[in-house]
Amino acid sequence: MSIFPEAMRNRLRSTFTNQAEGQPEWVLKLEEGSDAGFFAPDSATWAVHGQTATIVAGVRALLLQALHPGAMAGVHDWSRYKEDPLGRLAGTIRWIYTVSYADTETAIQTSNWVLKLHEKVYGSYLDAQGVERAYSANDPELLSWVHLAFTDSFLATAKLWSGPIPGGPDAYVREWAKAGELMGVPNPPRSEAELAAQIRAFYDAGVLKSDERVAEAVRFIRRPPLSKSLLPGYAVLFDGAVSSIPGVYRDMLGLAPAKLGPVPLPTRLSTRLVLKVVGDMLGHDEPSATQARKRLARLASETGTPAAA
């Protein structure tokens, strides 16, 4: 029995699902399907995505994504993130966890659904050199940057606040390249070194940009319209996300590690403590993984083979 009031747990859960009570229908349907999907229970992907550190990863990824002016233009021109931030968050979570835990057909269909939504997202922006450029959300360059930001953020936060990764960081990057392929990313990285090199290539080429749009996005991500009861914990997780970003990108975002006067705060320890509280509130068994295990158990019983661990 949880020591936390049900209302508080529902408030926290609804932050990620945009649903007041219960699990979203798409999570429940992960029990369905005719195969094991792209990733097994003992995979690096399940290990990384099944931890509460993914909350910090999401914040970190949004911050990094803002540095590409094309990606930022798409959010600025088309996204309703200010009016419906939880809806946008829930949509992103749905895609990530469907690809991670669903059967193959559902993972492919959901990715194609996202790509279809992207077709209407286009316009123009001023690049880092002040040249006007056209963009589309399905441009390979933008898809690459978004994939890199997510992959790097999930990996970085897992290394800091999660358990061991089966096969190590390279295994996670290599596995999650499949998600990039589903989204049309050309040559997604397949090792931690390739991941770092591809991110750095954007910086070295002068593609990334810091301007008022970035500053506006950072202000919103720092203080989103969450329930007042959640804001203190979120502030700690935001500081944790900032602490995990390499200095060169952190400087572009206008951010710095949390301090009390000249004294650095123990951000990584406080982040670990908040993540533990979140896990205790929600339960440490990821609901999507639970439904996927049910599917695997059913498939094992149908074929007479042992279920995956």
Protein backbone atom coordinates (compact mmCIF):
# COMPACT_ATOMS: atom_id res chain seq x y z
CA MET A 1 0.00 0.00 0.00
CA SER A 2 1.38 3.39 -0.97
CA ILE A 3 2.04 6.03 1.68
CA PHE A 4 1.13 8.71 -0.88
CA PRO A 5 -2.48 9.94 -1.31
CA GLU A 6 -4.16 8.62 -4.44
CA ALA A 7 -4.98 12.17 -5.55
CA MET A 8 -1.28 13.06 -5.49
CA ARG A 9 -0.36 9.94 -7.43
CA ASN A 10 -3.04 10.65 -10.04
CA ARG A 11 -1.83 14.24 -10.37
CA LEU A 12 1.70 13.04 -11.04
CA ARG A 13 0.59 10.29 -13.40
CA SER A 14 -1.60 12.67 -15.38
CA THR A 15 1.43 14.89 -15.96
CA PHE A 16 2.91 12.18 -18.17
CA THR A 17 -0.26 10.69 -19.67
CA ASN A 18 -2.54 13.76 -19.90
CA GLN A 19 -5.20 11.49 -18.41
CA ALA A 20 -6.63 12.01 -14.92
CA GLU A 21 -6.98 8.37 -13.90
CA GLY A 22 -5.93 4.94 -15.09
CA GLN A 23 -3.68 4.01 -17.95
CA PRO A 24 -4.13 5.36 -21.49
CA GLU A 25 -5.73 3.00 -23.97
CA TRP A 26 -2.52 2.78 -26.01
CA VAL A 27 -0.64 1.45 -22.96
CA LEU A 28 -3.27 -1.25 -22.34
CA LYS A 29 -3.09 -2.29 -25.99
CA LEU A 30 0.62 -3.09 -25.68
CA GLU A 31 -0.60 -6.47 -24.44
CA GLU A 32 -1.85 -7.14 -27.96
CA GLY A 33 0.23 -8.05 -31.01
CA SER A 34 1.63 -11.09 -32.75
CA ASP A 35 5.36 -10.78 -32.08
CA ALA A 36 7.91 -9.67 -29.47
CA GLY A 37 8.65 -6.32 -31.06
CA PHE A 38 12.02 -4.73 -31.72
CA PHE A 39 13.41 -4.96 -28.16
CA ALA A 40 13.53 -7.77 -25.61
CA PRO A 41 13.09 -7.50 -21.83
CA ASP A 42 16.84 -7.97 -21.36
CA SER A 43 17.68 -5.24 -23.88
CA ALA A 44 19.48 -2.01 -23.18
CA THR A 45 16.38 -0.16 -24.40
CA TRP A 46 14.11 -1.72 -21.77
CA ALA A 47 16.71 -1.05 -19.08
CA VAL A 48 17.09 2.62 -20.00
CA HIS A 49 13.45 3.42 -20.75
CA GLY A 50 12.09 1.58 -17.73
CA GLN A 51 13.72 3.93 -15.19
CA THR A 52 12.44 7.17 -13.64
CA ALA A 53 15.55 8.95 -14.98
CA THR A 54 13.63 9.21 -18.26
CA ILE A 55 11.77 12.15 -16.69
CA VAL A 56 15.01 14.11 -16.51
CA ALA A 57 15.91 12.86 -19.98
CA GLY A 58 12.76 14.39 -21.41
CA VAL A 59 13.56 17.81 -19.94
CA ARG A 60 17.16 17.59 -21.15
CA ALA A 61 16.13 16.55 -24.67
CA LEU A 62 13.74 19.49 -25.01
CA LEU A 63 16.51 21.88 -23.99
CA LEU A 64 18.97 20.44 -26.52
CA GLN A 65 16.40 20.35 -29.32
CA ALA A 66 15.81 24.08 -28.88
CA LEU A 67 19.35 24.83 -30.07
CA HIS A 68 18.56 23.90 -33.69
CA PRO A 69 16.80 26.93 -35.21
CA GLY A 70 14.86 24.74 -37.64
CA ALA A 71 13.55 22.51 -34.87
CA MET A 72 12.81 25.58 -32.78
CA ALA A 73 10.92 27.17 -35.68
CA GLY A 74 8.70 24.12 -36.01
CA VAL A 75 7.85 24.25 -32.32
CA HIS A 76 7.35 28.01 -32.38
CA ASP A 77 5.20 28.04 -35.54
CA TRP A 78 3.12 24.92 -35.09
CA SER A 79 3.25 23.48 -31.59
CA ARG A 80 0.66 24.28 -28.93
CA TYR A 81 3.16 23.57 -26.20
CA LYS A 82 2.24 26.69 -24.21
CA GLU A 83 -1.50 26.03 -24.35
CA ASP A 84 -1.26 22.25 -23.98
CA PRO A 85 2.20 21.24 -22.74
CA LEU A 86 0.97 18.00 -21.20
CA GLY A 87 -0.68 16.98 -24.46
CA ARG A 88 2.58 17.44 -26.37
CA LEU A 89 4.48 15.57 -23.65
CA ALA A 90 1.97 12.71 -23.68
CA GLY A 91 2.27 12.40 -27.46
CA THR A 92 6.05 12.16 -27.30
CA ILE A 93 5.89 9.60 -24.50
CA ARG A 94 3.38 7.54 -26.48
CA TRP A 95 5.73 7.25 -29.45
CA ILE A 96 8.85 6.45 -27.39
CA TYR A 97 7.19 3.76 -25.30
CA THR A 98 5.25 2.26 -28.18
CA VAL A 99 8.45 1.78 -30.17
CA SER A 100 10.19 0.44 -27.05
CA TYR A 101 7.56 -2.07 -25.95
CA ALA A 102 4.98 -2.73 -28.68
CA ASP A 103 4.92 -5.46 -31.30
CA THR A 104 6.67 -4.66 -34.57
CA GLU A 105 3.56 -3.70 -36.55
CA THR A 106 2.32 -1.28 -33.90
CA ALA A 107 5.75 0.34 -33.54
CA ILE A 108 5.95 0.90 -37.30
CA GLN A 109 2.37 2.18 -37.55
CA THR A 110 2.86 4.63 -34.68
CA SER A 111 6.06 5.98 -36.23
CA ASN A 112 4.31 6.41 -39.58
CA TRP A 113 1.47 8.21 -37.77
CA VAL A 114 3.97 10.69 -36.31
CA LEU A 115 5.60 11.20 -39.71
CA LYS A 116 2.16 11.87 -41.19
CA LEU A 117 1.51 14.53 -38.54
CA HIS A 118 4.87 16.08 -39.43
CA GLU A 119 3.84 16.60 -43.06
CA LYS A 120 1.87 19.73 -42.19
CA VAL A 121 4.75 21.24 -40.21
CA TYR A 122 6.79 23.44 -42.53
CA GLY A 123 7.88 27.04 -42.92
CA SER A 124 11.06 29.08 -42.87
CA TYR A 125 13.60 30.27 -40.33
CA LEU A 126 16.79 32.28 -40.05
CA ASP A 127 19.78 30.03 -39.58
CA ALA A 128 22.76 30.78 -37.34
CA GLN A 129 24.30 32.91 -40.13
CA GLY A 130 21.11 34.91 -40.65
CA VAL A 131 20.19 33.20 -43.91
CA GLU A 132 16.51 32.36 -44.43
CA ARG A 133 15.96 28.65 -44.96
CA ALA A 134 12.91 26.50 -45.56
CA TYR A 135 12.15 23.68 -43.16
CA SER A 136 9.88 20.70 -42.85
CA ALA A 137 9.52 18.59 -39.72
CA ASN A 138 10.44 15.54 -41.80
CA ASP A 139 13.68 17.06 -43.12
CA PRO A 140 16.49 14.53 -42.51
CA GLU A 141 18.60 17.15 -40.71
CA LEU A 142 15.85 18.02 -38.25
CA LEU A 143 14.93 14.36 -37.70
CA SER A 144 18.59 13.65 -37.02
CA TRP A 145 18.95 16.43 -34.46
CA VAL A 146 15.81 15.37 -32.60
CA HIS A 147 16.98 11.75 -32.56
CA LEU A 148 20.43 12.75 -31.32
CA ALA A 149 18.98 14.95 -28.57
CA PHE A 150 16.70 12.18 -27.34
CA THR A 151 19.31 9.43 -27.55
CA ASP A 152 22.01 11.47 -25.86
CA SER A 153 19.63 12.60 -23.12
CA PHE A 154 18.27 9.16 -22.33
CA LEU A 155 21.77 7.75 -22.25
CA ALA A 156 23.29 10.56 -20.17
CA THR A 157 20.59 10.45 -17.53
CA ALA A 158 20.63 6.66 -17.40
CA LYS A 159 24.36 6.70 -16.71
CA LEU A 160 23.84 9.15 -13.87
CA TRP A 161 20.65 7.92 -12.21
CA SER A 162 19.75 4.42 -13.42
CA GLY A 163 21.12 0.92 -13.00
CA PRO A 164 23.59 -0.86 -15.27
CA ILE A 165 22.81 -0.92 -18.99
CA PRO A 166 22.97 -4.42 -20.51
CA GLY A 167 25.78 -4.32 -23.05
CA GLY A 168 26.77 -0.83 -21.94
CA PRO A 169 26.10 2.57 -23.56
CA ASP A 170 27.04 1.36 -27.04
CA ALA A 171 24.30 -1.27 -26.89
CA TYR A 172 21.66 1.34 -26.10
CA VAL A 173 22.76 3.69 -28.89
CA ARG A 174 22.94 0.79 -31.35
CA GLU A 175 19.49 -0.52 -30.38
CA TRP A 176 17.77 2.86 -30.38
CA ALA A 177 19.11 3.52 -33.88
CA LYS A 178 16.12 1.40 -34.94
CA ALA A 179 13.81 4.16 -33.66
CA GLY A 180 15.77 6.63 -35.78
CA GLU A 181 15.39 4.43 -38.83
CA LEU A 182 11.63 4.20 -38.29
CA MET A 183 11.50 8.00 -38.31
CA GLY A 184 13.61 8.37 -41.44
CA VAL A 185 16.83 9.44 -39.74
CA PRO A 186 19.78 8.93 -42.10
CA ASN A 187 22.69 7.06 -40.57
CA PRO A 188 21.66 7.19 -36.89
CA PRO A 189 24.65 6.64 -34.56
CA ARG A 190 25.38 3.11 -33.40
CA SER A 191 27.89 3.76 -30.62
CA GLU A 192 28.38 6.31 -27.86
CA ALA A 193 31.37 7.74 -29.73
CA GLU A 194 29.36 8.14 -32.95
CA LEU A 195 26.58 9.80 -30.96
CA ALA A 196 28.95 12.39 -29.48
CA ALA A 197 30.62 12.97 -32.86
CA GLN A 198 27.34 13.57 -34.68
CA ILE A 199 26.16 16.04 -32.05
CA ARG A 200 29.48 17.84 -32.15
CA ALA A 201 29.30 18.01 -35.95
CA PHE A 202 26.19 20.18 -35.69
CA TYR A 203 28.05 22.53 -33.36
CA ASP A 204 31.26 22.61 -35.42
CA ALA A 205 29.29 23.33 -38.61
CA GLY A 206 27.71 26.40 -37.00
CA VAL A 207 24.19 24.98 -37.29
CA LEU A 208 23.14 25.52 -33.67
CA LYS A 209 21.88 28.89 -32.57
CA SER A 210 20.99 30.75 -29.40
CA ASP A 211 18.44 33.56 -29.68
CA GLU A 212 15.29 34.93 -28.04
CA ARG A 213 13.22 31.95 -29.21
CA VAL A 214 15.62 29.65 -27.41
CA ALA A 215 15.54 31.86 -24.32
CA GLU A 216 11.73 31.82 -24.39
CA ALA A 217 11.67 28.03 -24.64
CA VAL A 218 14.17 27.69 -21.79
CA ARG A 219 12.05 29.95 -19.59
CA PHE A 220 8.98 27.83 -20.31
CA ILE A 221 10.77 24.53 -19.70
CA ARG A 222 12.20 25.89 -16.46
CA ARG A 223 8.78 26.90 -15.14
CA PRO A 224 6.04 24.95 -16.92
CA PRO A 225 2.39 25.28 -15.83
CA LEU A 226 2.41 22.28 -13.50
CA SER A 227 0.43 21.75 -10.32
CA LYS A 228 1.92 23.78 -7.47
CA SER A 229 2.53 20.59 -5.50
CA LEU A 230 4.79 19.28 -8.26
CA LEU A 231 6.85 22.43 -8.88
CA PRO A 232 9.45 21.99 -6.10
CA GLY A 233 10.33 18.49 -7.26
CA TYR A 234 10.33 19.57 -10.89
CA ALA A 235 12.75 22.39 -10.09
CA VAL A 236 15.20 19.81 -8.72
CA LEU A 237 14.82 17.62 -11.81
CA PHE A 238 15.32 20.63 -14.08
CA ASP A 239 18.57 21.45 -12.28
CA GLY A 240 19.58 17.81 -12.68
CA ALA A 241 18.93 17.98 -16.41
CA VAL A 242 21.02 21.15 -16.68
CA SER A 243 23.89 19.59 -14.73
CA SER A 244 24.03 16.69 -17.22
CA ILE A 245 24.39 18.89 -20.33
CA PRO A 246 27.96 19.50 -21.54
CA GLY A 247 29.14 23.03 -20.83
CA VAL A 248 29.37 24.18 -24.45
CA TYR A 249 25.65 23.53 -25.05
CA ARG A 250 24.66 24.67 -21.57
CA ASP A 251 26.33 28.02 -22.26
CA MET A 252 24.38 28.39 -25.50
CA LEU A 253 21.18 27.81 -23.54
CA GLY A 254 22.15 30.49 -21.04
CA LEU A 255 22.11 27.99 -18.20
CA ALA A 256 24.54 27.15 -15.42
CA PRO A 257 24.76 24.50 -12.70
CA ALA A 258 22.70 25.36 -9.62
CA LYS A 259 24.57 27.24 -6.89
CA LEU A 260 23.89 28.82 -3.53
CA GLY A 261 26.00 31.92 -3.89
CA PRO A 262 29.43 30.65 -4.98
CA VAL A 263 28.78 27.13 -3.64
CA PRO A 264 27.61 24.45 -6.13
CA LEU A 265 24.52 22.58 -4.95
CA PRO A 266 24.53 18.75 -4.80
CA THR A 267 22.20 18.64 -7.77
CA ARG A 268 22.84 15.08 -8.81
CA LEU A 269 22.19 13.73 -5.32
CA SER A 270 19.00 15.75 -4.91
CA THR A 271 17.85 14.59 -8.35
CA ARG A 272 18.40 10.97 -7.32
CA LEU A 273 16.30 11.51 -4.19
CA VAL A 274 13.43 13.13 -6.11
CA LEU A 275 13.47 10.34 -8.69
CA LYS A 276 13.23 7.80 -5.88
CA VAL A 277 10.18 9.59 -4.48
CA VAL A 278 8.60 9.62 -7.94
CA GLY A 279 9.29 5.91 -8.33
CA ASP A 280 7.81 5.17 -4.91
CA MET A 281 4.70 7.17 -5.80
CA LEU A 282 4.08 5.63 -9.20
CA GLY A 283 5.56 2.19 -8.61
CA HIS A 284 8.86 1.13 -10.06
CA ASP A 285 7.37 -1.27 -12.62
CA GLU A 286 6.88 0.61 -15.90
CA PRO A 287 3.23 0.10 -17.00
CA SER A 288 4.20 -0.22 -20.66
CA ALA A 289 6.72 -2.94 -19.81
CA THR A 290 4.08 -4.73 -17.73
CA GLN A 291 1.70 -4.87 -20.70
CA ALA A 292 4.49 -5.97 -23.01
CA ARG A 293 5.37 -8.82 -20.65
CA LYS A 294 1.76 -9.97 -20.78
CA ARG A 295 2.00 -10.10 -24.57
CA LEU A 296 5.25 -12.05 -24.39
CA ALA A 297 3.75 -14.50 -21.89
CA ARG A 298 0.74 -15.04 -24.15
CA LEU A 299 2.94 -15.60 -27.20
CA ALA A 300 5.09 -18.04 -25.22
CA SER A 301 2.03 -20.02 -24.13
CA GLU A 302 0.75 -20.13 -27.70
CA THR A 303 4.05 -21.48 -29.03
CA GLY A 304 4.98 -23.58 -26.00
CA THR A 305 8.28 -21.75 -25.52
CA PRO A 306 9.52 -20.17 -22.27
CA ALA A 307 8.55 -16.51 -21.80
CA ALA A 308 11.32 -13.93 -21.92
CA ALA A 309 12.69 -12.89 -18.56
